[in-house]
């Protein structure tokens, strides 16, 4: 899935994921009520989800999400 533009969001597997922007080449995301950041190729866990950031653009992130 791709989120682009600050404030964009989607509900994935019952959890809302919001795109907060990019800082130092890392995408900033809010997963439910928790803020996380990830670099391309990095995997992070938050709540019931594992996220893998595939690419981080200047104003977008492409990632996959799966249940833990």
Protein backbone atom coordinates (compact mmCIF):
# COMPACT_ATOMS: atom_id res chain seq x y z
CA UNK A 1 0.00 0.00 0.00
CA UNK A 2 1.12 3.57 -0.63
CA UNK A 3 0.27 6.62 1.45
CA UNK A 4 1.17 10.03 0.06
CA UNK A 5 0.71 13.50 1.48
CA UNK A 6 0.88 14.36 5.14
CA UNK A 7 -2.27 13.30 6.96
CA UNK A 8 -3.29 10.61 4.49
CA UNK A 9 -4.54 7.45 6.14
CA UNK A 10 -6.04 4.04 5.52
CA UNK A 11 -7.54 1.28 7.61
CA UNK A 12 -5.50 -1.88 7.24
CA UNK A 13 -6.55 -5.14 8.86
CA UNK A 14 -8.73 -3.17 11.29
CA UNK A 15 -6.03 -0.67 12.29
CA UNK A 16 -5.79 2.93 11.08
CA UNK A 17 -2.39 3.86 9.66
CA UNK A 18 -1.69 7.56 9.07
CA UNK A 19 1.23 9.06 7.18
CA UNK A 20 2.92 11.85 9.15
CA UNK A 21 5.73 12.73 6.74
CA UNK A 22 9.40 12.00 6.15
CA UNK A 23 12.30 12.96 8.39
CA UNK A 24 15.94 12.08 7.71
CA UNK A 25 14.91 9.58 5.02
CA UNK A 26 12.55 7.73 7.36
CA UNK A 27 8.78 7.60 6.98
CA UNK A 28 6.83 8.63 10.07
CA UNK A 29 3.58 6.73 10.56
CA UNK A 30 0.92 6.55 13.25
CA UNK A 31 -0.33 2.99 13.70
CA UNK A 32 -3.46 3.16 15.81
CA UNK A 33 -2.33 5.45 18.64
CA UNK A 34 1.43 4.78 18.36
CA UNK A 35 3.94 6.73 16.25
CA UNK A 36 6.64 4.71 14.48
CA UNK A 37 9.25 5.43 11.83
CA UNK A 38 10.91 3.21 9.29
CA UNK A 39 13.54 3.35 6.58
CA UNK A 40 13.33 1.51 3.25
CA UNK A 41 13.68 -2.23 3.83
CA UNK A 42 13.06 -1.92 7.56
CA UNK A 43 10.39 -3.88 9.41
CA UNK A 44 8.64 -2.44 12.48
CA UNK A 45 5.95 -3.84 14.75
CA UNK A 46 3.14 -1.87 16.35
CA UNK A 47 0.03 -3.25 17.98
CA UNK A 48 -1.23 -6.23 16.02
CA UNK A 49 0.68 -5.31 12.84
CA UNK A 50 4.09 -5.79 11.31
CA UNK A 51 4.95 -3.14 8.72
CA UNK A 52 7.71 -3.36 6.15
CA UNK A 53 8.61 -0.09 4.48
CA UNK A 54 9.50 -0.81 0.87
CA UNK A 55 10.21 2.70 -0.42
CA UNK A 56 10.22 6.14 1.15
CA UNK A 57 9.80 9.13 -1.18
CA UNK A 58 9.95 12.83 -0.46
CA UNK A 59 6.24 12.83 0.44
CA UNK A 60 5.14 9.19 0.32
CA UNK A 61 5.74 5.73 1.71
CA UNK A 62 5.05 2.32 0.20
CA UNK A 63 4.74 -0.49 2.73
CA UNK A 64 3.25 -3.88 3.37
CA UNK A 65 1.28 -4.74 6.50
CA UNK A 66 0.60 -8.13 8.04
CA UNK A 67 -0.82 -9.44 11.29
CA UNK A 68 1.74 -10.54 13.85
